[in-house]
């Protein structure tokens, strides 16, 4: 019961790569009915 609530977001998979993170986050927000992720460039060096 605890585990299913914990992994309800389905984000704990070890197969998620950094290059796929934006798509994964977008799917998560859609599933949870959150607003779309908002990205911004904070700094350039």
ModelCIF file with pLDDT and N, C-alpha, C, O atoms, coordinates in Angstrom:
data_MODEL
#
_entry.id   MODEL 
#
_entity.id                         1 
_entity.type                       polymer 
_entity.pdbx_number_of_molecules   1 
#
_entity_poly.entity_id                      1 
_entity_poly.type                           'polypeptide(L)' 
_entity_poly.nstd_linkage                   no 
_entity_poly.nstd_monomer                   no 
_entity_poly.pdbx_seq_one_letter_code       
;(UNK)(UNK)(UNK)(UNK)(UNK)(UNK)(UNK)(UNK)(UNK)(UNK)(UNK)(UNK)(UNK)(UNK)(UNK)(UNK)
(UNK)(UNK)(UNK)(UNK)(UNK)(UNK)(UNK)(UNK)(UNK)(UNK)(UNK)(UNK)(UNK)(UNK)(UNK)(UNK)
(UNK)(UNK)(UNK)(UNK)(UNK)(UNK)(UNK)(UNK)(UNK)(UNK)(UNK)(UNK)(UNK)
;
_entity_poly.pdbx_seq_one_letter_code_can   XXXXXXXXXXXXXXXXXXXXXXXXXXXXXXXXXXXXXXXXXXXXX 
_entity_poly.pdbx_strand_id                 A 
#
loop_
_entity_poly_seq.entity_id 
_entity_poly_seq.num 
_entity_poly_seq.mon_id 
_entity_poly_seq.hetero 
1 1  UNK n 
1 2  UNK n 
1 3  UNK n 
1 4  UNK n 
1 5  UNK n 
1 6  UNK n 
1 7  UNK n 
1 8  UNK n 
1 9  UNK n 
1 10 UNK n 
1 11 UNK n 
1 12 UNK n 
1 13 UNK n 
1 14 UNK n 
1 15 UNK n 
1 16 UNK n 
1 17 UNK n 
1 18 UNK n 
1 19 UNK n 
1 20 UNK n 
1 21 UNK n 
1 22 UNK n 
1 23 UNK n 
1 24 UNK n 
1 25 UNK n 
1 26 UNK n 
1 27 UNK n 
1 28 UNK n 
1 29 UNK n 
1 30 UNK n 
1 31 UNK n 
1 32 UNK n 
1 33 UNK n 
1 34 UNK n 
1 35 UNK n 
1 36 UNK n 
1 37 UNK n 
1 38 UNK n 
1 39 UNK n 
1 40 UNK n 
1 41 UNK n 
1 42 UNK n 
1 43 UNK n 
1 44 UNK n 
1 45 UNK n 
#
_struct_asym.id          A 
_struct_asym.entity_id   1 
#
loop_
_ma_qa_metric.id 
_ma_qa_metric.mode 
_ma_qa_metric.name 
_ma_qa_metric.software_group_id 
_ma_qa_metric.type 
1 global pLDDT . pLDDT 
2 local  pLDDT . pLDDT 
#
_ma_qa_metric_global.metric_id      1 
_ma_qa_metric_global.metric_value   74.11 
_ma_qa_metric_global.model_id       1 
_ma_qa_metric_global.ordinal_id     1 
#
loop_
_ma_qa_metric_local.label_asym_id 
_ma_qa_metric_local.label_comp_id 
_ma_qa_metric_local.label_seq_id 
_ma_qa_metric_local.metric_id 
_ma_qa_metric_local.metric_value 
_ma_qa_metric_local.model_id 
_ma_qa_metric_local.ordinal_id 
A UNK 1  2 75.00 1 1  
A UNK 2  2 78.00 1 2  
A UNK 3  2 76.00 1 3  
A UNK 4  2 67.00 1 4  
A UNK 5  2 61.00 1 5  
A UNK 6  2 61.00 1 6  
A UNK 7  2 55.00 1 7  
A UNK 8  2 48.00 1 8  
A UNK 9  2 45.00 1 9  
A UNK 10 2 46.00 1 10 
A UNK 11 2 44.00 1 11 
A UNK 12 2 43.00 1 12 
A UNK 13 2 44.00 1 13 
A UNK 14 2 40.00 1 14 
A UNK 15 2 47.00 1 15 
A UNK 16 2 60.00 1 16 
A UNK 17 2 72.00 1 17 
A UNK 18 2 80.00 1 18 
A UNK 19 2 80.00 1 19 
A UNK 20 2 83.00 1 20 
A UNK 21 2 87.00 1 21 
A UNK 22 2 90.00 1 22 
A UNK 23 2 86.00 1 23 
A UNK 24 2 85.00 1 24 
A UNK 25 2 87.00 1 25 
A UNK 26 2 85.00 1 26 
A UNK 27 2 80.00 1 27 
A UNK 28 2 82.00 1 28 
A UNK 29 2 83.00 1 29 
A UNK 30 2 77.00 1 30 
A UNK 31 2 73.00 1 31 
A UNK 32 2 73.00 1 32 
A UNK 33 2 74.00 1 33 
A UNK 34 2 80.00 1 34 
A UNK 35 2 82.00 1 35 
A UNK 36 2 87.00 1 36 
A UNK 37 2 91.00 1 37 
A UNK 38 2 92.00 1 38 
A UNK 39 2 93.00 1 39 
A UNK 40 2 93.00 1 40 
A UNK 41 2 92.00 1 41 
A UNK 42 2 90.00 1 42 
A UNK 43 2 89.00 1 43 
A UNK 44 2 91.00 1 44 
A UNK 45 2 88.00 1 45 
#
loop_
_atom_site.group_PDB 
_atom_site.id 
_atom_site.type_symbol 
_atom_site.label_atom_id 
_atom_site.label_alt_id 
_atom_site.label_comp_id 
_atom_site.label_asym_id 
_atom_site.label_entity_id 
_atom_site.label_seq_id 
_atom_site.pdbx_PDB_ins_code 
_atom_site.Cartn_x 
_atom_site.Cartn_y 
_atom_site.Cartn_z 
_atom_site.occupancy 
_atom_site.B_iso_or_equiv 
_atom_site.pdbx_formal_charge 
_atom_site.auth_seq_id 
_atom_site.auth_comp_id 
_atom_site.auth_asym_id 
_atom_site.auth_atom_id 
_atom_site.pdbx_PDB_model_num 
ATOM 1   N N  . UNK A 1 1  ? 0.834  -1.204 0.000   1.00 75.00 ? 1  UNK A N  1 
ATOM 2   C CA . UNK A 1 1  ? 0.000  0.000  0.000   1.00 75.00 ? 1  UNK A CA 1 
ATOM 3   C C  . UNK A 1 1  ? 0.868  1.253  0.000   1.00 75.00 ? 1  UNK A C  1 
ATOM 4   O O  . UNK A 1 1  ? 0.628  2.191  -0.761  1.00 75.00 ? 1  UNK A O  1 
ATOM 5   N N  . UNK A 1 2  ? 1.881  1.254  0.868   1.00 78.00 ? 2  UNK A N  1 
ATOM 6   C CA . UNK A 1 2  ? 2.791  2.402  0.943   1.00 78.00 ? 2  UNK A CA 1 
ATOM 7   C C  . UNK A 1 2  ? 3.572  2.552  -0.355  1.00 78.00 ? 2  UNK A C  1 
ATOM 8   O O  . UNK A 1 2  ? 3.734  3.658  -0.872  1.00 78.00 ? 2  UNK A O  1 
ATOM 9   N N  . UNK A 1 3  ? 4.055  1.423  -0.877  1.00 76.00 ? 3  UNK A N  1 
ATOM 10  C CA . UNK A 1 3  ? 4.884  1.440  -2.081  1.00 76.00 ? 3  UNK A CA 1 
ATOM 11  C C  . UNK A 1 3  ? 4.121  1.970  -3.284  1.00 76.00 ? 3  UNK A C  1 
ATOM 12  O O  . UNK A 1 3  ? 4.653  2.768  -4.056  1.00 76.00 ? 3  UNK A O  1 
ATOM 13  N N  . UNK A 1 4  ? 2.867  1.528  -3.452  1.00 67.00 ? 4  UNK A N  1 
ATOM 14  C CA . UNK A 1 4  ? 2.082  1.976  -4.599  1.00 67.00 ? 4  UNK A CA 1 
ATOM 15  C C  . UNK A 1 4  ? 1.834  3.473  -4.540  1.00 67.00 ? 4  UNK A C  1 
ATOM 16  O O  . UNK A 1 4  ? 1.833  4.137  -5.576  1.00 67.00 ? 4  UNK A O  1 
ATOM 17  N N  . UNK A 1 5  ? 1.625  4.014  -3.353  1.00 61.00 ? 5  UNK A N  1 
ATOM 18  C CA . UNK A 1 5  ? 1.471  5.457  -3.225  1.00 61.00 ? 5  UNK A CA 1 
ATOM 19  C C  . UNK A 1 5  ? 2.782  6.172  -3.506  1.00 61.00 ? 5  UNK A C  1 
ATOM 20  O O  . UNK A 1 5  ? 2.798  7.255  -4.091  1.00 61.00 ? 5  UNK A O  1 
ATOM 21  N N  . UNK A 1 6  ? 3.882  5.556  -3.085  1.00 61.00 ? 6  UNK A N  1 
ATOM 22  C CA . UNK A 1 6  ? 5.201  6.158  -3.268  1.00 61.00 ? 6  UNK A CA 1 
ATOM 23  C C  . UNK A 1 6  ? 5.597  6.233  -4.733  1.00 61.00 ? 6  UNK A C  1 
ATOM 24  O O  . UNK A 1 6  ? 6.165  7.229  -5.180  1.00 61.00 ? 6  UNK A O  1 
ATOM 25  N N  . UNK A 1 7  ? 5.293  5.165  -5.486  1.00 55.00 ? 7  UNK A N  1 
ATOM 26  C CA . UNK A 1 7  ? 5.725  5.109  -6.884  1.00 55.00 ? 7  UNK A CA 1 
ATOM 27  C C  . UNK A 1 7  ? 4.604  5.474  -7.831  1.00 55.00 ? 7  UNK A C  1 
ATOM 28  O O  . UNK A 1 7  ? 4.682  5.211  -9.031  1.00 55.00 ? 7  UNK A O  1 
ATOM 29  N N  . UNK A 1 8  ? 3.539  6.093  -7.280  1.00 48.00 ? 8  UNK A N  1 
ATOM 30  C CA . UNK A 1 8  ? 2.400  6.457  -8.125  1.00 48.00 ? 8  UNK A CA 1 
ATOM 31  C C  . UNK A 1 8  ? 2.817  7.351  -9.282  1.00 48.00 ? 8  UNK A C  1 
ATOM 32  O O  . UNK A 1 8  ? 2.239  7.299  -10.368 1.00 48.00 ? 8  UNK A O  1 
ATOM 33  N N  . UNK A 1 9  ? 3.856  8.191  -9.023  1.00 45.00 ? 9  UNK A N  1 
ATOM 34  C CA . UNK A 1 9  ? 4.337  9.067  -10.087 1.00 45.00 ? 9  UNK A CA 1 
ATOM 35  C C  . UNK A 1 9  ? 5.137  8.313  -11.125 1.00 45.00 ? 9  UNK A C  1 
ATOM 36  O O  . UNK A 1 9  ? 5.376  8.818  -12.222 1.00 45.00 ? 9  UNK A O  1 
ATOM 37  N N  . UNK A 1 10 ? 5.552  7.102  -10.785 1.00 46.00 ? 10 UNK A N  1 
ATOM 38  C CA . UNK A 1 10 ? 6.307  6.253  -11.708 1.00 46.00 ? 10 UNK A CA 1 
ATOM 39  C C  . UNK A 1 10 ? 7.569  6.944  -12.192 1.00 46.00 ? 10 UNK A C  1 
ATOM 40  O O  . UNK A 1 10 ? 7.873  6.931  -13.385 1.00 46.00 ? 10 UNK A O  1 
ATOM 41  N N  . UNK A 1 11 ? 8.299  7.543  -11.272 1.00 44.00 ? 11 UNK A N  1 
ATOM 42  C CA . UNK A 1 11 ? 9.514  8.255  -11.665 1.00 44.00 ? 11 UNK A CA 1 
ATOM 43  C C  . UNK A 1 11 ? 10.758 7.601  -11.090 1.00 44.00 ? 11 UNK A C  1 
ATOM 44  O O  . UNK A 1 11 ? 11.861 8.116  -11.272 1.00 44.00 ? 11 UNK A O  1 
ATOM 45  N N  . UNK A 1 12 ? 10.606 6.479  -10.402 1.00 43.00 ? 12 UNK A N  1 
ATOM 46  C CA . UNK A 1 12 ? 11.751 5.850  -9.773  1.00 43.00 ? 12 UNK A CA 1 
ATOM 47  C C  . UNK A 1 12 ? 12.441 4.829  -10.637 1.00 43.00 ? 12 UNK A C  1 
ATOM 48  O O  . UNK A 1 12 ? 13.281 4.082  -10.135 1.00 43.00 ? 12 UNK A O  1 
ATOM 49  N N  . UNK A 1 13 ? 12.123 4.760  -11.932 1.00 44.00 ? 13 UNK A N  1 
ATOM 50  C CA . UNK A 1 13 ? 12.694 3.736  -12.788 1.00 44.00 ? 13 UNK A CA 1 
ATOM 51  C C  . UNK A 1 13 ? 14.159 4.025  -13.074 1.00 44.00 ? 13 UNK A C  1 
ATOM 52  O O  . UNK A 1 13 ? 14.534 5.159  -13.373 1.00 44.00 ? 13 UNK A O  1 
ATOM 53  N N  . UNK A 1 14 ? 14.961 3.013  -12.981 1.00 40.00 ? 14 UNK A N  1 
ATOM 54  C CA . UNK A 1 14 ? 16.396 3.191  -13.199 1.00 40.00 ? 14 UNK A CA 1 
ATOM 55  C C  . UNK A 1 14 ? 16.724 3.360  -14.678 1.00 40.00 ? 14 UNK A C  1 
ATOM 56  O O  . UNK A 1 14 ? 17.862 3.683  -15.018 1.00 40.00 ? 14 UNK A O  1 
ATOM 57  N N  . UNK A 1 15 ? 15.748 3.148  -15.567 1.00 47.00 ? 15 UNK A N  1 
ATOM 58  C CA . UNK A 1 15 ? 16.013 3.223  -16.990 1.00 47.00 ? 15 UNK A CA 1 
ATOM 59  C C  . UNK A 1 15 ? 15.891 4.648  -17.545 1.00 47.00 ? 15 UNK A C  1 
ATOM 60  O O  . UNK A 1 15 ? 16.157 4.872  -18.726 1.00 47.00 ? 15 UNK A O  1 
ATOM 61  N N  . UNK A 1 16 ? 15.490 5.614  -16.702 1.00 60.00 ? 16 UNK A N  1 
ATOM 62  C CA . UNK A 1 16 ? 15.324 6.982  -17.174 1.00 60.00 ? 16 UNK A CA 1 
ATOM 63  C C  . UNK A 1 16 ? 16.689 7.628  -17.328 1.00 60.00 ? 16 UNK A C  1 
ATOM 64  O O  . UNK A 1 16 ? 17.438 7.735  -16.357 1.00 60.00 ? 16 UNK A O  1 
ATOM 65  N N  . UNK A 1 17 ? 17.018 8.055  -18.529 1.00 72.00 ? 17 UNK A N  1 
ATOM 66  C CA . UNK A 1 17 ? 18.272 8.749  -18.796 1.00 72.00 ? 17 UNK A CA 1 
ATOM 67  C C  . UNK A 1 17 ? 18.040 10.255 -18.781 1.00 72.00 ? 17 UNK A C  1 
ATOM 68  O O  . UNK A 1 17 ? 16.916 10.726 -18.956 1.00 72.00 ? 17 UNK A O  1 
ATOM 69  N N  . UNK A 1 18 ? 19.111 10.993 -18.572 1.00 80.00 ? 18 UNK A N  1 
ATOM 70  C CA . UNK A 1 18 ? 18.991 12.450 -18.528 1.00 80.00 ? 18 UNK A CA 1 
ATOM 71  C C  . UNK A 1 18 ? 18.459 12.999 -19.842 1.00 80.00 ? 18 UNK A C  1 
ATOM 72  O O  . UNK A 1 18 ? 17.722 13.985 -19.851 1.00 80.00 ? 18 UNK A O  1 
ATOM 73  N N  . UNK A 1 19 ? 18.827 12.367 -20.956 1.00 80.00 ? 19 UNK A N  1 
ATOM 74  C CA . UNK A 1 19 ? 18.369 12.864 -22.253 1.00 80.00 ? 19 UNK A CA 1 
ATOM 75  C C  . UNK A 1 19 ? 16.862 12.666 -22.454 1.00 80.00 ? 19 UNK A C  1 
ATOM 76  O O  . UNK A 1 19 ? 16.251 13.329 -23.292 1.00 80.00 ? 19 UNK A O  1 
ATOM 77  N N  . UNK A 1 20 ? 16.269 11.748 -21.680 1.00 83.00 ? 20 UNK A N  1 
ATOM 78  C CA . UNK A 1 20 ? 14.831 11.494 -21.782 1.00 83.00 ? 20 UNK A CA 1 
ATOM 79  C C  . UNK A 1 20 ? 14.043 12.196 -20.690 1.00 83.00 ? 20 UNK A C  1 
ATOM 80  O O  . UNK A 1 20 ? 12.822 12.054 -20.621 1.00 83.00 ? 20 UNK A O  1 
ATOM 81  N N  . UNK A 1 21 ? 14.724 12.952 -19.832 1.00 87.00 ? 21 UNK A N  1 
ATOM 82  C CA . UNK A 1 21 ? 14.087 13.516 -18.649 1.00 87.00 ? 21 UNK A CA 1 
ATOM 83  C C  . UNK A 1 21 ? 12.983 14.511 -18.984 1.00 87.00 ? 21 UNK A C  1 
ATOM 84  O O  . UNK A 1 21 ? 11.955 14.534 -18.307 1.00 87.00 ? 21 UNK A O  1 
ATOM 85  N N  . UNK A 1 22 ? 13.175 15.339 -20.023 1.00 90.00 ? 22 UNK A N  1 
ATOM 86  C CA . UNK A 1 22 ? 12.148 16.329 -20.370 1.00 90.00 ? 22 UNK A CA 1 
ATOM 87  C C  . UNK A 1 22 ? 10.848 15.641 -20.766 1.00 90.00 ? 22 UNK A C  1 
ATOM 88  O O  . UNK A 1 22 ? 9.766  16.060 -20.353 1.00 90.00 ? 22 UNK A O  1 
ATOM 89  N N  . UNK A 1 23 ? 10.957 14.580 -21.570 1.00 86.00 ? 23 UNK A N  1 
ATOM 90  C CA . UNK A 1 23 ? 9.764  13.857 -21.991 1.00 86.00 ? 23 UNK A CA 1 
ATOM 91  C C  . UNK A 1 23 ? 9.102  13.183 -20.793 1.00 86.00 ? 23 UNK A C  1 
ATOM 92  O O  . UNK A 1 23 ? 7.878  13.184 -20.667 1.00 86.00 ? 23 UNK A O  1 
ATOM 93  N N  . UNK A 1 24 ? 9.925  12.606 -19.916 1.00 85.00 ? 24 UNK A N  1 
ATOM 94  C CA . UNK A 1 24 ? 9.400  11.935 -18.725 1.00 85.00 ? 24 UNK A CA 1 
ATOM 95  C C  . UNK A 1 24 ? 8.676  12.927 -17.825 1.00 85.00 ? 24 UNK A C  1 
ATOM 96  O O  . UNK A 1 24 ? 7.599  12.629 -17.310 1.00 85.00 ? 24 UNK A O  1 
ATOM 97  N N  . UNK A 1 25 ? 9.259  14.094 -17.638 1.00 87.00 ? 25 UNK A N  1 
ATOM 98  C CA . UNK A 1 25 ? 8.647  15.122 -16.800 1.00 87.00 ? 25 UNK A CA 1 
ATOM 99  C C  . UNK A 1 25 ? 7.343  15.620 -17.418 1.00 87.00 ? 25 UNK A C  1 
ATOM 100 O O  . UNK A 1 25 ? 6.359  15.852 -16.716 1.00 87.00 ? 25 UNK A O  1 
ATOM 101 N N  . UNK A 1 26 ? 7.349  15.779 -18.738 1.00 85.00 ? 26 UNK A N  1 
ATOM 102 C CA . UNK A 1 26 ? 6.128  16.213 -19.438 1.00 85.00 ? 26 UNK A CA 1 
ATOM 103 C C  . UNK A 1 26 ? 5.005  15.188 -19.236 1.00 85.00 ? 26 UNK A C  1 
ATOM 104 O O  . UNK A 1 26 ? 3.862  15.564 -18.976 1.00 85.00 ? 26 UNK A O  1 
ATOM 105 N N  . UNK A 1 27 ? 5.327  13.903 -19.354 1.00 80.00 ? 27 UNK A N  1 
ATOM 106 C CA . UNK A 1 27 ? 4.332  12.840 -19.169 1.00 80.00 ? 27 UNK A CA 1 
ATOM 107 C C  . UNK A 1 27 ? 3.815  12.835 -17.734 1.00 80.00 ? 27 UNK A C  1 
ATOM 108 O O  . UNK A 1 27 ? 2.623  12.643 -17.493 1.00 80.00 ? 27 UNK A O  1 
ATOM 109 N N  . UNK A 1 28 ? 4.725  13.049 -16.785 1.00 82.00 ? 28 UNK A N  1 
ATOM 110 C CA . UNK A 1 28 ? 4.348  13.076 -15.381 1.00 82.00 ? 28 UNK A CA 1 
ATOM 111 C C  . UNK A 1 28 ? 3.363  14.209 -15.103 1.00 82.00 ? 28 UNK A C  1 
ATOM 112 O O  . UNK A 1 28 ? 2.346  14.007 -14.439 1.00 82.00 ? 28 UNK A O  1 
ATOM 113 N N  . UNK A 1 29 ? 3.667  15.397 -15.614 1.00 83.00 ? 29 UNK A N  1 
ATOM 114 C CA . UNK A 1 29 ? 2.790  16.553 -15.398 1.00 83.00 ? 29 UNK A CA 1 
ATOM 115 C C  . UNK A 1 29 ? 1.416  16.330 -16.025 1.00 83.00 ? 29 UNK A C  1 
ATOM 116 O O  . UNK A 1 29 ? 0.393  16.710 -15.456 1.00 83.00 ? 29 UNK A O  1 
ATOM 117 N N  . UNK A 1 30 ? 1.408  15.717 -17.193 1.00 77.00 ? 30 UNK A N  1 
ATOM 118 C CA . UNK A 1 30 ? 0.144  15.430 -17.855 1.00 77.00 ? 30 UNK A CA 1 
ATOM 119 C C  . UNK A 1 30 ? -0.673 14.431 -17.043 1.00 77.00 ? 30 UNK A C  1 
ATOM 120 O O  . UNK A 1 30 ? -1.885 14.584 -16.891 1.00 77.00 ? 30 UNK A O  1 
ATOM 121 N N  . UNK A 1 31 ? 0.003  13.409 -16.523 1.00 73.00 ? 31 UNK A N  1 
ATOM 122 C CA . UNK A 1 31 ? -0.671 12.375 -15.730 1.00 73.00 ? 31 UNK A CA 1 
ATOM 123 C C  . UNK A 1 31 ? -1.244 12.961 -14.447 1.00 73.00 ? 31 UNK A C  1 
ATOM 124 O O  . UNK A 1 31 ? -2.356 12.616 -14.049 1.00 73.00 ? 31 UNK A O  1 
ATOM 125 N N  . UNK A 1 32 ? -0.486 13.851 -13.793 1.00 73.00 ? 32 UNK A N  1 
ATOM 126 C CA . UNK A 1 32 ? -0.924 14.422 -12.519 1.00 73.00 ? 32 UNK A CA 1 
ATOM 127 C C  . UNK A 1 32 ? -1.776 15.678 -12.713 1.00 73.00 ? 32 UNK A C  1 
ATOM 128 O O  . UNK A 1 32 ? -2.237 16.284 -11.746 1.00 73.00 ? 32 UNK A O  1 
ATOM 129 N N  . UNK A 1 33 ? -1.977 16.060 -13.976 1.00 74.00 ? 33 UNK A N  1 
ATOM 130 C CA . UNK A 1 33 ? -2.769 17.254 -14.315 1.00 74.00 ? 33 UNK A CA 1 
ATOM 131 C C  . UNK A 1 33 ? -2.166 18.523 -13.726 1.00 74.00 ? 33 UNK A C  1 
ATOM 132 O O  . UNK A 1 33 ? -2.872 19.425 -13.276 1.00 74.00 ? 33 UNK A O  1 
ATOM 133 N N  . UNK A 1 34 ? -0.828 18.562 -13.744 1.00 80.00 ? 34 UNK A N  1 
ATOM 134 C CA . UNK A 1 34 ? -0.125 19.770 -13.372 1.00 80.00 ? 34 UNK A CA 1 
ATOM 135 C C  . UNK A 1 34 ? 0.073  20.616 -14.622 1.00 80.00 ? 34 UNK A C  1 
ATOM 136 O O  . UNK A 1 34 ? -0.125 20.150 -15.744 1.00 80.00 ? 34 UNK A O  1 
ATOM 137 N N  . UNK A 1 35 ? 0.467  21.868 -14.408 1.00 82.00 ? 35 UNK A N  1 
ATOM 138 C CA . UNK A 1 35 ? 0.784  22.717 -15.557 1.00 82.00 ? 35 UNK A CA 1 
ATOM 139 C C  . UNK A 1 35 ? 2.051  22.195 -16.233 1.00 82.00 ? 35 UNK A C  1 
ATOM 140 O O  . UNK A 1 35 ? 2.834  21.467 -15.623 1.00 82.00 ? 35 UNK A O  1 
ATOM 141 N N  . UNK A 1 36 ? 2.245  22.575 -17.502 1.00 87.00 ? 36 UNK A N  1 
ATOM 142 C CA . UNK A 1 36 ? 3.429  22.125 -18.226 1.00 87.00 ? 36 UNK A CA 1 
ATOM 143 C C  . UNK A 1 36 ? 4.699  22.701 -17.592 1.00 87.00 ? 36 UNK A C  1 
ATOM 144 O O  . UNK A 1 36 ? 4.677  23.824 -17.089 1.00 87.00 ? 36 UNK A O  1 
ATOM 145 N N  . UNK A 1 37 ? 5.786  21.959 -17.609 1.00 91.00 ? 37 UNK A N  1 
ATOM 146 C CA . UNK A 1 37 ? 7.051  22.463 -17.058 1.00 91.00 ? 37 UNK A CA 1 
ATOM 147 C C  . UNK A 1 37 ? 7.474  23.752 -17.769 1.00 91.00 ? 37 UNK A C  1 
ATOM 148 O O  . UNK A 1 37 ? 7.360  23.868 -18.989 1.00 91.00 ? 37 UNK A O  1 
ATOM 149 N N  . UNK A 1 38 ? 7.955  24.699 -16.999 1.00 92.00 ? 38 UNK A N  1 
ATOM 150 C CA . UNK A 1 38 ? 8.403  25.982 -17.560 1.00 92.00 ? 38 UNK A CA 1 
ATOM 151 C C  . UNK A 1 38 ? 9.920  26.094 -17.389 1.00 92.00 ? 38 UNK A C  1 
ATOM 152 O O  . UNK A 1 38 ? 10.428 26.103 -16.268 1.00 92.00 ? 38 UNK A O  1 
ATOM 153 N N  . UNK A 1 39 ? 10.638 26.178 -18.521 1.00 93.00 ? 39 UNK A N  1 
ATOM 154 C CA . UNK A 1 39 ? 12.093 26.234 -18.492 1.00 93.00 ? 39 UNK A CA 1 
ATOM 155 C C  . UNK A 1 39 ? 12.578 27.666 -18.741 1.00 93.00 ? 39 UNK A C  1 
ATOM 156 O O  . UNK A 1 39 ? 11.935 28.438 -19.452 1.00 93.00 ? 39 UNK A O  1 
ATOM 157 N N  . UNK A 1 40 ? 13.726 28.005 -18.139 1.00 93.00 ? 40 UNK A N  1 
ATOM 158 C CA . UNK A 1 40 ? 14.339 29.306 -18.424 1.00 93.00 ? 40 UNK A CA 1 
ATOM 159 C C  . UNK A 1 40 ? 15.853 29.205 -18.272 1.00 93.00 ? 40 UNK A C  1 
ATOM 160 O O  . UNK A 1 40 ? 16.361 28.403 -17.488 1.00 93.00 ? 40 UNK A O  1 
ATOM 161 N N  . UNK A 1 41 ? 16.556 30.024 -19.029 1.00 92.00 ? 41 UNK A N  1 
ATOM 162 C CA . UNK A 1 41 ? 18.016 30.086 -18.925 1.00 92.00 ? 41 UNK A CA 1 
ATOM 163 C C  . UNK A 1 41 ? 18.361 31.086 -17.828 1.00 92.00 ? 41 UNK A C  1 
ATOM 164 O O  . UNK A 1 41 ? 18.053 32.272 -17.945 1.00 92.00 ? 41 UNK A O  1 
ATOM 165 N N  . UNK A 1 42 ? 18.997 30.611 -16.765 1.00 90.00 ? 42 UNK A N  1 
ATOM 166 C CA . UNK A 1 42 ? 19.327 31.464 -15.630 1.00 90.00 ? 42 UNK A CA 1 
ATOM 167 C C  . UNK A 1 42 ? 20.668 32.165 -15.792 1.00 90.00 ? 42 UNK A C  1 
ATOM 168 O O  . UNK A 1 42 ? 20.859 33.275 -15.295 1.00 90.00 ? 42 UNK A O  1 
ATOM 169 N N  . UNK A 1 43 ? 21.601 31.511 -16.492 1.00 89.00 ? 43 UNK A N  1 
ATOM 170 C CA . UNK A 1 43 ? 22.936 32.088 -16.573 1.00 89.00 ? 43 UNK A CA 1 
ATOM 171 C C  . UNK A 1 43 ? 23.707 31.482 -17.743 1.00 89.00 ? 43 UNK A C  1 
ATOM 172 O O  . UNK A 1 43 ? 23.408 30.371 -18.181 1.00 89.00 ? 43 UNK A O  1 
ATOM 173 N N  . UNK A 1 44 ? 24.706 32.218 -18.248 1.00 91.00 ? 44 UNK A N  1 
ATOM 174 C CA . UNK A 1 44 ? 25.613 31.736 -19.286 1.00 91.00 ? 44 UNK A CA 1 
ATOM 175 C C  . UNK A 1 44 ? 27.033 32.043 -18.830 1.00 91.00 ? 44 UNK A C  1 
ATOM 176 O O  . UNK A 1 44 ? 27.310 33.138 -18.341 1.00 91.00 ? 44 UNK A O  1 
ATOM 177 N N  . UNK A 1 45 ? 27.925 31.081 -18.990 1.00 88.00 ? 45 UNK A N  1 
ATOM 178 C CA . UNK A 1 45 ? 29.306 31.270 -18.572 1.00 88.00 ? 45 UNK A CA 1 
ATOM 179 C C  . UNK A 1 45 ? 30.261 30.805 -19.662 1.00 88.00 ? 45 UNK A C  1 
ATOM 180 O O  . UNK A 1 45 ? 31.478 30.886 -19.492 1.00 88.00 ? 45 UNK A O  1 
#
